[in-house]
N, C-alpha and C. Protein backbone atom coordinates (compact mmCIF):
# COMPACT_ATOMS: atom_id res chain seq x y z
N MET A 1 -111.57 73.56 -43.79
CA MET A 1 -112.92 74.13 -43.72
C MET A 1 -112.88 75.51 -43.06
N MET A 2 -112.12 75.58 -41.97
CA MET A 2 -112.02 76.86 -41.25
C MET A 2 -111.35 77.93 -42.11
N ARG A 3 -110.32 77.49 -42.90
CA ARG A 3 -109.64 78.45 -43.76
C ARG A 3 -110.57 79.00 -44.81
N HIS A 4 -111.41 78.14 -45.39
CA HIS A 4 -112.36 78.61 -46.41
C HIS A 4 -113.38 79.57 -45.81
N LEU A 5 -113.81 79.33 -44.57
CA LEU A 5 -114.78 80.19 -43.90
C LEU A 5 -114.20 81.57 -43.61
N LEU A 6 -112.94 81.59 -43.15
CA LEU A 6 -112.28 82.89 -42.88
C LEU A 6 -112.06 83.68 -44.16
N ALA A 7 -111.68 82.99 -45.24
CA ALA A 7 -111.47 83.67 -46.52
C ALA A 7 -112.75 84.28 -47.03
N ALA A 8 -113.87 83.54 -46.91
CA ALA A 8 -115.17 84.06 -47.36
C ALA A 8 -115.59 85.26 -46.53
N LEU A 9 -115.35 85.22 -45.21
CA LEU A 9 -115.70 86.33 -44.34
C LEU A 9 -114.88 87.58 -44.66
N LEU A 10 -113.58 87.41 -44.91
CA LEU A 10 -112.71 88.53 -45.26
C LEU A 10 -113.13 89.15 -46.58
N PHE A 11 -113.48 88.30 -47.56
CA PHE A 11 -113.91 88.81 -48.86
C PHE A 11 -115.21 89.61 -48.75
N SER A 12 -116.12 89.11 -47.95
CA SER A 12 -117.41 89.79 -47.83
C SER A 12 -117.29 91.15 -47.14
N THR A 13 -116.44 91.26 -46.13
CA THR A 13 -116.29 92.56 -45.43
C THR A 13 -115.60 93.59 -46.30
N THR A 14 -114.61 93.18 -47.08
CA THR A 14 -113.93 94.14 -47.95
C THR A 14 -114.81 94.54 -49.12
N ALA A 15 -115.65 93.64 -49.58
CA ALA A 15 -116.51 93.94 -50.73
C ALA A 15 -117.58 94.96 -50.37
N PHE A 16 -118.14 94.85 -49.13
CA PHE A 16 -119.21 95.75 -48.73
C PHE A 16 -118.70 97.04 -48.09
N ALA A 17 -117.43 97.07 -47.74
CA ALA A 17 -116.88 98.27 -47.09
C ALA A 17 -116.81 99.44 -48.05
N GLY A 18 -116.60 99.18 -49.32
CA GLY A 18 -116.50 100.24 -50.30
C GLY A 18 -115.14 100.92 -50.24
N PRO A 19 -114.92 101.88 -51.11
CA PRO A 19 -113.62 102.56 -51.14
C PRO A 19 -113.43 103.42 -49.89
N PRO A 20 -112.20 103.65 -49.48
CA PRO A 20 -111.95 104.48 -48.30
C PRO A 20 -112.42 105.91 -48.54
N PRO A 21 -112.83 106.62 -47.48
CA PRO A 21 -113.31 108.00 -47.66
C PRO A 21 -112.18 108.88 -48.18
N PRO A 22 -112.53 109.86 -49.01
CA PRO A 22 -111.48 110.74 -49.56
C PRO A 22 -110.81 111.54 -48.45
N MET A 23 -109.53 111.84 -48.66
CA MET A 23 -108.77 112.64 -47.72
C MET A 23 -109.26 114.08 -47.79
N THR A 24 -109.50 114.69 -46.65
CA THR A 24 -109.90 116.10 -46.63
C THR A 24 -108.67 116.97 -46.57
N ALA A 25 -108.74 118.11 -47.21
CA ALA A 25 -107.59 119.02 -47.23
C ALA A 25 -107.37 119.60 -45.84
N ALA A 26 -106.12 119.84 -45.50
CA ALA A 26 -105.79 120.46 -44.23
C ALA A 26 -106.33 121.89 -44.21
N PRO A 27 -106.81 122.36 -43.07
CA PRO A 27 -107.34 123.73 -43.02
C PRO A 27 -106.25 124.73 -43.37
N SER A 28 -106.64 125.77 -44.13
CA SER A 28 -105.67 126.79 -44.51
C SER A 28 -105.27 127.61 -43.29
N GLU A 29 -104.06 128.13 -43.33
CA GLU A 29 -103.54 128.91 -42.22
C GLU A 29 -104.33 130.21 -42.06
N LEU A 30 -104.72 130.51 -40.85
CA LEU A 30 -105.49 131.72 -40.59
C LEU A 30 -104.56 132.93 -40.65
N LYS A 31 -104.89 133.90 -41.47
CA LYS A 31 -104.08 135.10 -41.61
C LYS A 31 -104.37 136.07 -40.46
N PRO A 32 -103.42 136.94 -40.11
CA PRO A 32 -103.66 137.87 -38.99
C PRO A 32 -104.90 138.74 -39.20
N TRP A 33 -105.15 139.13 -40.43
CA TRP A 33 -106.29 140.02 -40.68
C TRP A 33 -107.63 139.28 -40.66
N ASP A 34 -107.59 137.97 -40.53
CA ASP A 34 -108.83 137.20 -40.41
C ASP A 34 -109.14 136.84 -38.95
N SER A 35 -108.35 137.36 -38.01
CA SER A 35 -108.56 137.12 -36.58
C SER A 35 -109.06 138.39 -35.91
N HIS A 36 -109.63 138.25 -34.73
CA HIS A 36 -109.87 139.39 -33.86
C HIS A 36 -108.53 139.81 -33.25
N ALA A 37 -108.44 141.06 -32.83
CA ALA A 37 -107.20 141.54 -32.20
C ALA A 37 -107.55 142.53 -31.10
N ILE A 38 -106.76 142.51 -30.04
CA ILE A 38 -106.84 143.50 -28.97
C ILE A 38 -105.51 144.24 -28.92
N ASP A 39 -105.57 145.58 -28.98
CA ASP A 39 -104.36 146.42 -28.95
C ASP A 39 -104.29 147.16 -27.62
N PHE A 40 -103.09 147.21 -27.05
CA PHE A 40 -102.82 147.98 -25.83
C PHE A 40 -101.75 149.01 -26.19
N GLU A 41 -102.09 150.33 -26.08
CA GLU A 41 -101.18 151.37 -26.55
C GLU A 41 -101.09 152.52 -25.56
N THR A 42 -99.93 153.14 -25.49
CA THR A 42 -99.73 154.36 -24.71
C THR A 42 -98.61 155.16 -25.36
N GLY A 43 -98.46 156.40 -24.95
CA GLY A 43 -97.43 157.25 -25.54
C GLY A 43 -97.47 158.65 -24.96
N MET A 44 -97.26 159.65 -25.81
CA MET A 44 -97.25 161.04 -25.37
C MET A 44 -97.75 161.93 -26.50
N LEU A 45 -98.65 162.87 -26.16
CA LEU A 45 -99.19 163.83 -27.12
C LEU A 45 -98.92 165.24 -26.60
N TRP A 46 -98.52 166.13 -27.51
CA TRP A 46 -98.26 167.52 -27.15
C TRP A 46 -99.22 168.43 -27.89
N LYS A 47 -99.68 169.49 -27.22
CA LYS A 47 -100.59 170.44 -27.86
C LYS A 47 -99.90 171.12 -29.04
N VAL A 48 -100.59 171.11 -30.20
CA VAL A 48 -100.06 171.76 -31.39
C VAL A 48 -101.04 172.80 -31.94
N GLY A 49 -102.21 172.92 -31.33
CA GLY A 49 -103.19 173.88 -31.82
C GLY A 49 -104.42 173.90 -30.92
N GLY A 50 -105.43 174.62 -31.37
CA GLY A 50 -106.64 174.77 -30.57
C GLY A 50 -106.65 176.12 -29.87
N ASP A 51 -107.80 176.46 -29.28
CA ASP A 51 -107.97 177.78 -28.66
C ASP A 51 -107.59 177.82 -27.19
N SER A 52 -107.28 176.67 -26.61
CA SER A 52 -106.93 176.67 -25.19
C SER A 52 -105.63 177.43 -24.96
N THR A 53 -105.57 178.13 -23.86
CA THR A 53 -104.35 178.89 -23.51
C THR A 53 -103.36 178.05 -22.72
N PHE A 54 -103.75 176.82 -22.36
CA PHE A 54 -102.85 175.95 -21.60
C PHE A 54 -101.94 175.15 -22.54
N ASN A 55 -100.74 174.89 -22.08
CA ASN A 55 -99.78 174.11 -22.86
C ASN A 55 -99.94 172.63 -22.49
N TYR A 56 -100.89 171.98 -23.15
CA TYR A 56 -101.26 170.61 -22.77
C TYR A 56 -100.16 169.61 -23.14
N ARG A 57 -99.98 168.64 -22.25
CA ARG A 57 -99.18 167.45 -22.52
C ARG A 57 -100.00 166.27 -22.00
N ILE A 58 -100.30 165.33 -22.89
CA ILE A 58 -101.29 164.28 -22.61
C ILE A 58 -100.65 162.91 -22.75
N VAL A 59 -100.91 162.05 -21.77
CA VAL A 59 -100.48 160.65 -21.84
C VAL A 59 -101.73 159.80 -22.13
N PRO A 60 -101.86 159.25 -23.34
CA PRO A 60 -103.04 158.44 -23.66
C PRO A 60 -102.81 156.97 -23.30
N PHE A 61 -103.85 156.34 -22.80
CA PHE A 61 -103.88 154.89 -22.60
C PHE A 61 -105.07 154.37 -23.40
N MET A 62 -104.82 153.48 -24.35
CA MET A 62 -105.88 153.04 -25.25
C MET A 62 -105.93 151.51 -25.32
N VAL A 63 -107.14 150.98 -25.28
CA VAL A 63 -107.38 149.56 -25.52
C VAL A 63 -108.36 149.48 -26.69
N SER A 64 -107.95 148.80 -27.75
CA SER A 64 -108.77 148.74 -28.97
C SER A 64 -109.06 147.30 -29.35
N TRP A 65 -110.26 147.09 -29.87
CA TRP A 65 -110.63 145.81 -30.49
C TRP A 65 -110.73 146.03 -31.99
N ARG A 66 -110.09 145.12 -32.74
CA ARG A 66 -110.20 145.12 -34.20
C ARG A 66 -110.85 143.82 -34.65
N SER A 67 -111.83 143.94 -35.52
CA SER A 67 -112.56 142.78 -36.01
C SER A 67 -111.73 142.06 -37.08
N PRO A 68 -112.13 140.83 -37.44
CA PRO A 68 -111.60 140.26 -38.69
C PRO A 68 -111.97 141.17 -39.86
N ARG A 69 -111.25 141.02 -40.95
CA ARG A 69 -111.47 141.95 -42.05
C ARG A 69 -112.91 141.96 -42.52
N VAL A 70 -113.37 143.16 -42.85
CA VAL A 70 -114.72 143.34 -43.37
C VAL A 70 -114.70 143.20 -44.89
N PHE A 71 -113.71 143.81 -45.53
CA PHE A 71 -113.49 143.63 -46.96
C PHE A 71 -112.05 143.99 -47.26
N GLY A 72 -111.61 143.67 -48.46
CA GLY A 72 -110.22 143.96 -48.81
C GLY A 72 -109.85 143.39 -50.16
N ILE A 73 -108.57 143.52 -50.47
CA ILE A 73 -108.02 143.05 -51.75
C ILE A 73 -106.84 142.14 -51.44
N ASP A 74 -106.86 140.94 -52.02
CA ASP A 74 -105.74 140.02 -51.94
C ASP A 74 -104.93 140.15 -53.22
N PHE A 75 -103.65 140.47 -53.08
CA PHE A 75 -102.79 140.65 -54.24
C PHE A 75 -102.13 139.32 -54.64
N ALA A 76 -101.67 139.27 -55.89
CA ALA A 76 -101.10 138.03 -56.43
C ALA A 76 -99.86 137.59 -55.68
N ASN A 77 -99.12 138.53 -55.10
CA ASN A 77 -97.88 138.16 -54.38
C ASN A 77 -98.14 137.70 -52.95
N GLY A 78 -99.41 137.64 -52.54
CA GLY A 78 -99.75 137.17 -51.20
C GLY A 78 -100.01 138.27 -50.19
N SER A 79 -99.66 139.50 -50.52
CA SER A 79 -99.96 140.61 -49.62
C SER A 79 -101.44 140.97 -49.72
N ALA A 80 -101.90 141.80 -48.80
CA ALA A 80 -103.33 142.12 -48.78
C ALA A 80 -103.55 143.53 -48.23
N LEU A 81 -104.57 144.18 -48.75
CA LEU A 81 -105.04 145.47 -48.24
C LEU A 81 -106.43 145.23 -47.68
N VAL A 82 -106.61 145.45 -46.38
CA VAL A 82 -107.87 145.09 -45.74
C VAL A 82 -108.41 146.26 -44.92
N VAL A 83 -109.71 146.22 -44.69
CA VAL A 83 -110.39 147.17 -43.82
C VAL A 83 -111.08 146.38 -42.72
N ARG A 84 -110.85 146.79 -41.46
CA ARG A 84 -111.43 146.12 -40.30
C ARG A 84 -112.15 147.16 -39.44
N ASN A 85 -113.13 146.72 -38.66
CA ASN A 85 -113.76 147.59 -37.66
C ASN A 85 -112.82 147.77 -36.47
N LYS A 86 -112.85 148.95 -35.88
CA LYS A 86 -112.00 149.23 -34.72
C LYS A 86 -112.80 150.03 -33.70
N LEU A 87 -112.79 149.58 -32.45
CA LEU A 87 -113.46 150.26 -31.35
C LEU A 87 -112.44 150.47 -30.24
N THR A 88 -112.28 151.72 -29.79
CA THR A 88 -111.22 152.08 -28.85
C THR A 88 -111.78 152.72 -27.59
N GLY A 89 -111.35 152.23 -26.45
CA GLY A 89 -111.58 152.89 -25.17
C GLY A 89 -110.32 153.63 -24.77
N MET A 90 -110.45 154.90 -24.40
CA MET A 90 -109.27 155.70 -24.10
C MET A 90 -109.38 156.33 -22.72
N ALA A 91 -108.25 156.39 -22.06
CA ALA A 91 -108.15 157.05 -20.75
C ALA A 91 -106.93 157.96 -20.82
N ASN A 92 -107.16 159.25 -20.98
CA ASN A 92 -106.07 160.22 -21.09
C ASN A 92 -105.75 160.83 -19.73
N TRP A 93 -104.48 160.91 -19.43
CA TRP A 93 -104.01 161.64 -18.26
C TRP A 93 -103.36 162.93 -18.74
N PHE A 94 -103.84 164.07 -18.20
CA PHE A 94 -103.28 165.37 -18.59
C PHE A 94 -102.11 165.68 -17.66
N GLU A 95 -100.91 165.48 -18.16
CA GLU A 95 -99.73 165.79 -17.35
C GLU A 95 -99.60 167.30 -17.16
N ASP A 96 -99.90 168.06 -18.22
CA ASP A 96 -99.97 169.52 -18.15
C ASP A 96 -101.29 169.95 -18.76
N GLY A 97 -101.94 170.94 -18.16
CA GLY A 97 -103.20 171.44 -18.69
C GLY A 97 -104.18 171.75 -17.57
N SER A 98 -105.36 172.22 -17.94
CA SER A 98 -106.37 172.58 -16.95
C SER A 98 -107.00 171.35 -16.32
N GLU A 99 -107.30 170.34 -17.13
CA GLU A 99 -107.98 169.14 -16.64
C GLU A 99 -106.96 168.09 -16.17
N ASN A 100 -107.48 167.04 -15.56
CA ASN A 100 -106.61 165.97 -15.07
C ASN A 100 -106.77 164.68 -15.85
N ARG A 101 -107.98 164.39 -16.34
CA ARG A 101 -108.22 163.09 -16.98
C ARG A 101 -109.34 163.22 -18.02
N TYR A 102 -109.36 162.25 -18.89
CA TYR A 102 -110.39 162.16 -19.92
C TYR A 102 -110.67 160.68 -20.18
N LEU A 103 -111.93 160.29 -20.11
CA LEU A 103 -112.35 158.93 -20.41
C LEU A 103 -113.29 158.97 -21.60
N GLY A 104 -113.00 158.20 -22.63
CA GLY A 104 -113.83 158.27 -23.82
C GLY A 104 -113.83 156.98 -24.62
N ILE A 105 -114.63 156.97 -25.65
CA ILE A 105 -114.72 155.84 -26.56
C ILE A 105 -114.80 156.38 -27.97
N SER A 106 -114.23 155.67 -28.93
CA SER A 106 -114.27 156.12 -30.31
C SER A 106 -114.31 154.91 -31.24
N GLY A 107 -114.81 155.16 -32.44
CA GLY A 107 -114.88 154.12 -33.46
C GLY A 107 -114.23 154.59 -34.73
N ALA A 108 -113.65 153.65 -35.48
CA ALA A 108 -112.96 154.01 -36.72
C ALA A 108 -112.72 152.76 -37.55
N PRO A 109 -112.56 152.91 -38.86
CA PRO A 109 -112.06 151.78 -39.64
C PRO A 109 -110.55 151.66 -39.45
N SER A 110 -110.04 150.45 -39.45
CA SER A 110 -108.61 150.21 -39.44
C SER A 110 -108.23 149.73 -40.84
N ILE A 111 -107.47 150.55 -41.55
CA ILE A 111 -107.05 150.23 -42.92
C ILE A 111 -105.61 149.71 -42.84
N GLU A 112 -105.39 148.47 -43.30
CA GLU A 112 -104.12 147.80 -43.08
C GLU A 112 -103.59 147.17 -44.36
N TRP A 113 -102.32 147.39 -44.66
CA TRP A 113 -101.63 146.64 -45.71
C TRP A 113 -100.70 145.65 -45.05
N TRP A 114 -100.81 144.37 -45.40
CA TRP A 114 -99.99 143.30 -44.84
C TRP A 114 -99.10 142.72 -45.92
N ASP A 115 -97.84 142.42 -45.55
CA ASP A 115 -96.96 141.74 -46.49
C ASP A 115 -97.39 140.28 -46.62
N ALA A 116 -96.80 139.59 -47.61
CA ALA A 116 -97.23 138.23 -47.91
C ALA A 116 -96.99 137.27 -46.76
N SER A 117 -95.99 137.54 -45.93
CA SER A 117 -95.69 136.64 -44.81
C SER A 117 -96.65 136.82 -43.64
N GLY A 118 -97.41 137.92 -43.61
CA GLY A 118 -98.29 138.21 -42.48
C GLY A 118 -97.54 138.66 -41.25
N VAL A 119 -96.30 139.12 -41.44
CA VAL A 119 -95.46 139.56 -40.31
C VAL A 119 -95.49 141.07 -40.17
N TRP A 120 -95.36 141.79 -41.27
CA TRP A 120 -95.33 143.26 -41.24
C TRP A 120 -96.65 143.84 -41.73
N SER A 121 -97.06 144.96 -41.14
CA SER A 121 -98.21 145.69 -41.68
C SER A 121 -98.01 147.18 -41.49
N VAL A 122 -98.61 147.94 -42.37
CA VAL A 122 -98.71 149.40 -42.26
C VAL A 122 -100.20 149.70 -42.09
N PHE A 123 -100.55 150.53 -41.12
CA PHE A 123 -101.97 150.74 -40.83
C PHE A 123 -102.28 152.21 -40.63
N GLY A 124 -103.55 152.53 -40.77
CA GLY A 124 -104.03 153.88 -40.51
C GLY A 124 -105.48 153.84 -40.06
N SER A 125 -105.87 154.80 -39.24
CA SER A 125 -107.25 154.91 -38.76
C SER A 125 -107.62 156.37 -38.67
N ILE A 126 -108.90 156.65 -38.86
CA ILE A 126 -109.41 158.00 -38.66
C ILE A 126 -110.86 157.86 -38.19
N GLY A 127 -111.17 158.46 -37.05
CA GLY A 127 -112.51 158.31 -36.50
C GLY A 127 -112.72 159.21 -35.30
N GLY A 128 -113.75 158.96 -34.54
CA GLY A 128 -114.05 159.82 -33.40
C GLY A 128 -115.11 159.22 -32.51
N GLY A 129 -115.43 159.95 -31.44
CA GLY A 129 -116.40 159.48 -30.48
C GLY A 129 -116.69 160.53 -29.41
N VAL A 130 -117.01 160.06 -28.22
CA VAL A 130 -117.41 160.94 -27.12
C VAL A 130 -116.70 160.52 -25.85
N GLY A 131 -116.71 161.43 -24.87
CA GLY A 131 -116.10 161.11 -23.58
C GLY A 131 -116.39 162.19 -22.56
N PHE A 132 -115.81 162.01 -21.39
CA PHE A 132 -116.01 162.94 -20.28
C PHE A 132 -114.66 163.31 -19.66
N THR A 133 -114.52 164.59 -19.35
CA THR A 133 -113.33 165.08 -18.67
C THR A 133 -113.74 165.74 -17.36
N ASP A 134 -112.77 166.12 -16.56
CA ASP A 134 -113.08 166.84 -15.31
C ASP A 134 -112.80 168.32 -15.51
N SER A 135 -113.69 168.98 -16.29
CA SER A 135 -113.50 170.40 -16.59
C SER A 135 -113.45 171.21 -15.30
N GLN A 136 -112.58 172.23 -15.30
CA GLN A 136 -112.33 173.01 -14.09
C GLN A 136 -113.04 174.36 -14.07
N GLY A 137 -113.72 174.72 -15.17
CA GLY A 137 -114.43 175.99 -15.21
C GLY A 137 -113.51 177.20 -15.22
N VAL A 138 -112.33 177.03 -15.79
CA VAL A 138 -111.37 178.14 -15.86
C VAL A 138 -111.24 178.59 -17.31
N ALA A 139 -110.92 179.85 -17.49
CA ALA A 139 -110.74 180.39 -18.83
C ALA A 139 -109.60 179.68 -19.53
N GLY A 140 -109.84 179.25 -20.77
CA GLY A 140 -108.81 178.56 -21.54
C GLY A 140 -108.86 177.06 -21.42
N GLY A 141 -109.64 176.53 -20.46
CA GLY A 141 -109.80 175.09 -20.33
C GLY A 141 -111.02 174.61 -21.10
N LEU A 142 -111.23 173.30 -21.12
CA LEU A 142 -112.41 172.76 -21.79
C LEU A 142 -113.67 173.26 -21.09
N GLY A 143 -114.70 173.57 -21.88
CA GLY A 143 -115.86 174.27 -21.34
C GLY A 143 -116.83 173.44 -20.54
N GLN A 144 -116.80 172.10 -20.69
CA GLN A 144 -117.74 171.25 -19.96
C GLN A 144 -117.16 169.84 -19.89
N ASP A 145 -117.78 169.00 -19.06
CA ASP A 145 -117.29 167.64 -18.90
C ASP A 145 -117.51 166.80 -20.16
N PHE A 146 -118.71 166.87 -20.76
CA PHE A 146 -118.99 166.09 -21.96
C PHE A 146 -118.19 166.66 -23.13
N THR A 147 -117.41 165.80 -23.78
CA THR A 147 -116.48 166.26 -24.81
C THR A 147 -116.48 165.31 -25.98
N LEU A 148 -116.41 165.86 -27.17
CA LEU A 148 -116.26 165.07 -28.39
C LEU A 148 -114.77 164.86 -28.66
N ASN A 149 -114.45 163.74 -29.29
CA ASN A 149 -113.06 163.50 -29.68
C ASN A 149 -112.99 163.07 -31.13
N TRP A 150 -111.88 163.36 -31.74
CA TRP A 150 -111.59 162.97 -33.12
C TRP A 150 -110.11 162.64 -33.17
N TYR A 151 -109.75 161.60 -33.88
CA TYR A 151 -108.33 161.24 -33.93
C TYR A 151 -107.97 160.62 -35.28
N SER A 152 -106.69 160.67 -35.59
CA SER A 152 -106.15 159.95 -36.73
C SER A 152 -104.82 159.33 -36.30
N GLN A 153 -104.49 158.22 -36.90
CA GLN A 153 -103.33 157.44 -36.49
C GLN A 153 -102.74 156.73 -37.70
N VAL A 154 -101.42 156.71 -37.83
CA VAL A 154 -100.76 155.98 -38.90
C VAL A 154 -99.48 155.38 -38.35
N GLY A 155 -99.22 154.12 -38.67
CA GLY A 155 -98.03 153.47 -38.12
C GLY A 155 -97.79 152.12 -38.75
N PHE A 156 -97.00 151.30 -38.05
CA PHE A 156 -96.68 149.97 -38.54
C PHE A 156 -96.67 148.98 -37.39
N SER A 157 -96.78 147.71 -37.71
CA SER A 157 -96.74 146.66 -36.70
C SER A 157 -95.88 145.51 -37.22
N ARG A 158 -95.35 144.74 -36.26
CA ARG A 158 -94.55 143.56 -36.62
C ARG A 158 -94.89 142.42 -35.67
N ALA A 159 -95.19 141.25 -36.22
CA ALA A 159 -95.48 140.08 -35.40
C ALA A 159 -94.18 139.57 -34.76
N ILE A 160 -94.26 139.21 -33.47
CA ILE A 160 -93.11 138.64 -32.79
C ILE A 160 -93.34 137.18 -32.40
N THR A 161 -94.61 136.76 -32.31
CA THR A 161 -94.98 135.36 -32.14
C THR A 161 -96.22 135.12 -32.99
N GLU A 162 -96.78 133.92 -32.90
CA GLU A 162 -97.98 133.62 -33.67
C GLU A 162 -99.16 134.49 -33.25
N ASP A 163 -99.22 134.89 -31.98
CA ASP A 163 -100.37 135.63 -31.47
C ASP A 163 -100.06 137.08 -31.08
N TRP A 164 -98.81 137.43 -30.89
CA TRP A 164 -98.45 138.76 -30.38
C TRP A 164 -97.67 139.55 -31.42
N SER A 165 -97.91 140.86 -31.44
CA SER A 165 -97.16 141.78 -32.30
C SER A 165 -96.93 143.09 -31.57
N VAL A 166 -95.96 143.86 -32.05
CA VAL A 166 -95.67 145.18 -31.49
C VAL A 166 -96.11 146.22 -32.51
N ARG A 167 -96.49 147.42 -31.99
CA ARG A 167 -97.03 148.49 -32.83
C ARG A 167 -96.38 149.81 -32.46
N ALA A 168 -96.22 150.68 -33.44
CA ALA A 168 -95.75 152.04 -33.21
C ALA A 168 -96.42 152.95 -34.24
N SER A 169 -96.85 154.13 -33.80
CA SER A 169 -97.58 155.00 -34.72
C SER A 169 -97.51 156.46 -34.27
N ALA A 170 -97.75 157.34 -35.23
CA ALA A 170 -97.98 158.76 -34.95
C ALA A 170 -99.48 158.95 -34.77
N MET A 171 -99.86 159.87 -33.86
CA MET A 171 -101.28 160.06 -33.56
C MET A 171 -101.61 161.53 -33.38
N PHE A 172 -102.74 161.92 -33.95
CA PHE A 172 -103.30 163.26 -33.76
C PHE A 172 -104.63 163.11 -33.05
N GLN A 173 -104.89 163.96 -32.05
CA GLN A 173 -106.15 163.90 -31.32
C GLN A 173 -106.71 165.30 -31.12
N HIS A 174 -108.02 165.43 -31.32
CA HIS A 174 -108.71 166.69 -31.08
C HIS A 174 -109.81 166.45 -30.06
N MET A 175 -109.94 167.36 -29.11
CA MET A 175 -111.02 167.31 -28.12
C MET A 175 -111.65 168.68 -28.00
N SER A 176 -112.98 168.72 -28.03
CA SER A 176 -113.73 169.96 -27.82
C SER A 176 -115.16 169.57 -27.47
N ASN A 177 -116.00 170.58 -27.23
CA ASN A 177 -117.39 170.26 -26.86
C ASN A 177 -118.37 170.54 -27.99
N GLY A 178 -117.86 170.72 -29.20
CA GLY A 178 -118.75 170.87 -30.35
C GLY A 178 -119.56 172.15 -30.35
N GLY A 179 -119.09 173.18 -29.66
CA GLY A 179 -119.81 174.46 -29.63
C GLY A 179 -120.92 174.51 -28.59
N ALA A 180 -120.93 173.55 -27.66
CA ALA A 180 -121.98 173.55 -26.63
C ALA A 180 -121.82 174.70 -25.65
N THR A 181 -120.60 175.19 -25.50
CA THR A 181 -120.37 176.35 -24.63
C THR A 181 -119.65 177.43 -25.43
N ASN A 182 -119.76 178.63 -24.96
CA ASN A 182 -119.10 179.76 -25.62
C ASN A 182 -118.34 180.57 -24.56
N PRO A 183 -117.04 180.62 -24.60
CA PRO A 183 -116.18 180.08 -25.68
C PRO A 183 -116.08 178.57 -25.64
N ASN A 184 -115.57 178.02 -26.74
CA ASN A 184 -115.43 176.57 -26.89
C ASN A 184 -113.97 176.26 -27.18
N PRO A 185 -113.09 176.36 -26.19
CA PRO A 185 -111.68 176.08 -26.45
C PRO A 185 -111.46 174.60 -26.70
N GLY A 186 -110.84 174.28 -27.81
CA GLY A 186 -110.52 172.89 -28.14
C GLY A 186 -109.03 172.63 -27.97
N ILE A 187 -108.68 171.37 -28.00
CA ILE A 187 -107.28 170.95 -27.87
C ILE A 187 -106.92 170.13 -29.10
N ASP A 188 -105.87 170.51 -29.80
CA ASP A 188 -105.28 169.71 -30.86
C ASP A 188 -103.94 169.21 -30.36
N ALA A 189 -103.73 167.91 -30.34
CA ALA A 189 -102.50 167.34 -29.80
C ALA A 189 -101.93 166.33 -30.79
N LEU A 190 -100.61 166.30 -30.88
CA LEU A 190 -99.91 165.42 -31.81
C LEU A 190 -98.78 164.73 -31.07
N GLY A 191 -98.54 163.46 -31.38
CA GLY A 191 -97.44 162.76 -30.73
C GLY A 191 -97.32 161.34 -31.25
N PHE A 192 -96.93 160.42 -30.38
CA PHE A 192 -96.69 159.05 -30.79
C PHE A 192 -97.30 158.11 -29.76
N VAL A 193 -97.59 156.89 -30.19
CA VAL A 193 -98.02 155.83 -29.29
C VAL A 193 -97.31 154.54 -29.70
N ILE A 194 -97.01 153.72 -28.71
CA ILE A 194 -96.44 152.40 -28.94
C ILE A 194 -97.28 151.38 -28.18
N GLY A 195 -97.20 150.11 -28.55
CA GLY A 195 -98.00 149.14 -27.85
C GLY A 195 -97.79 147.73 -28.35
N VAL A 196 -98.63 146.84 -27.85
CA VAL A 196 -98.62 145.44 -28.25
C VAL A 196 -100.03 145.05 -28.66
N SER A 197 -100.12 144.01 -29.45
CA SER A 197 -101.41 143.52 -29.94
C SER A 197 -101.45 142.00 -29.83
N ARG A 198 -102.61 141.47 -29.48
CA ARG A 198 -102.79 140.02 -29.40
C ARG A 198 -103.94 139.59 -30.30
N ASP A 199 -103.67 138.61 -31.16
CA ASP A 199 -104.71 138.04 -32.02
C ASP A 199 -105.40 136.90 -31.28
N PHE A 200 -106.68 136.72 -31.54
CA PHE A 200 -107.40 135.60 -30.95
C PHE A 200 -108.58 135.19 -31.84
C-alpha cells in the first residue's frame, strides 16, 4: 500500500512540474571598447613653433576618461573600428619657459582600431579645451592666465592583463589665449607620452 502511495505521489509531482526551464546562453565576453577606461599618461614635449621667444620644454601629466564606444564598425574578422568619448585633465610642468605650470581640461573623440583578440589597438584623438597658467607678464611669454589648448595624439596600446594595458603615442599641443591680448604669443609643442590604462 505504501509503495503504491509513493509511486502515485512521484508521478503527480513530475507530471505537474512541466519541462525543465531552457538553458540560458552564457554572457558574451565584454570587449575592451565596450568598457569605461581611465588613462594615466606623461612624457615630454618640445617647442616646435609659435610666437613665443622662449625655448619651451614641457612635461605633461594627463588623466583621461574614455567612455564605452559610441558607434563603430565590427569587421568580419573580429576586429573593430570604434569612436569613444574622451575627457582629459592635464597638468603641465614647464621645465623651460616663462611660465611654471598649466592646469587645463579638454575633450575629444577617441578613434580606435582594435584587433580581433582585443589585445592591440591603434588610436588617435584631436580636440581642445581651456585652462589656466601662471603668466609672468614678460615679453614672449603667454599673455594671460586664461589659456585655450588644442591637441592631437596618435599611438598604440597593448593589453597586459584583463583590466590593464600600456600606451605610447606622439602628441602635439598648442596653447594660446585666442587673441585676448596683443601680442598673443602661442606655444606649439611636439613630443611623446607613455602611460597605462585601466578598464572598468
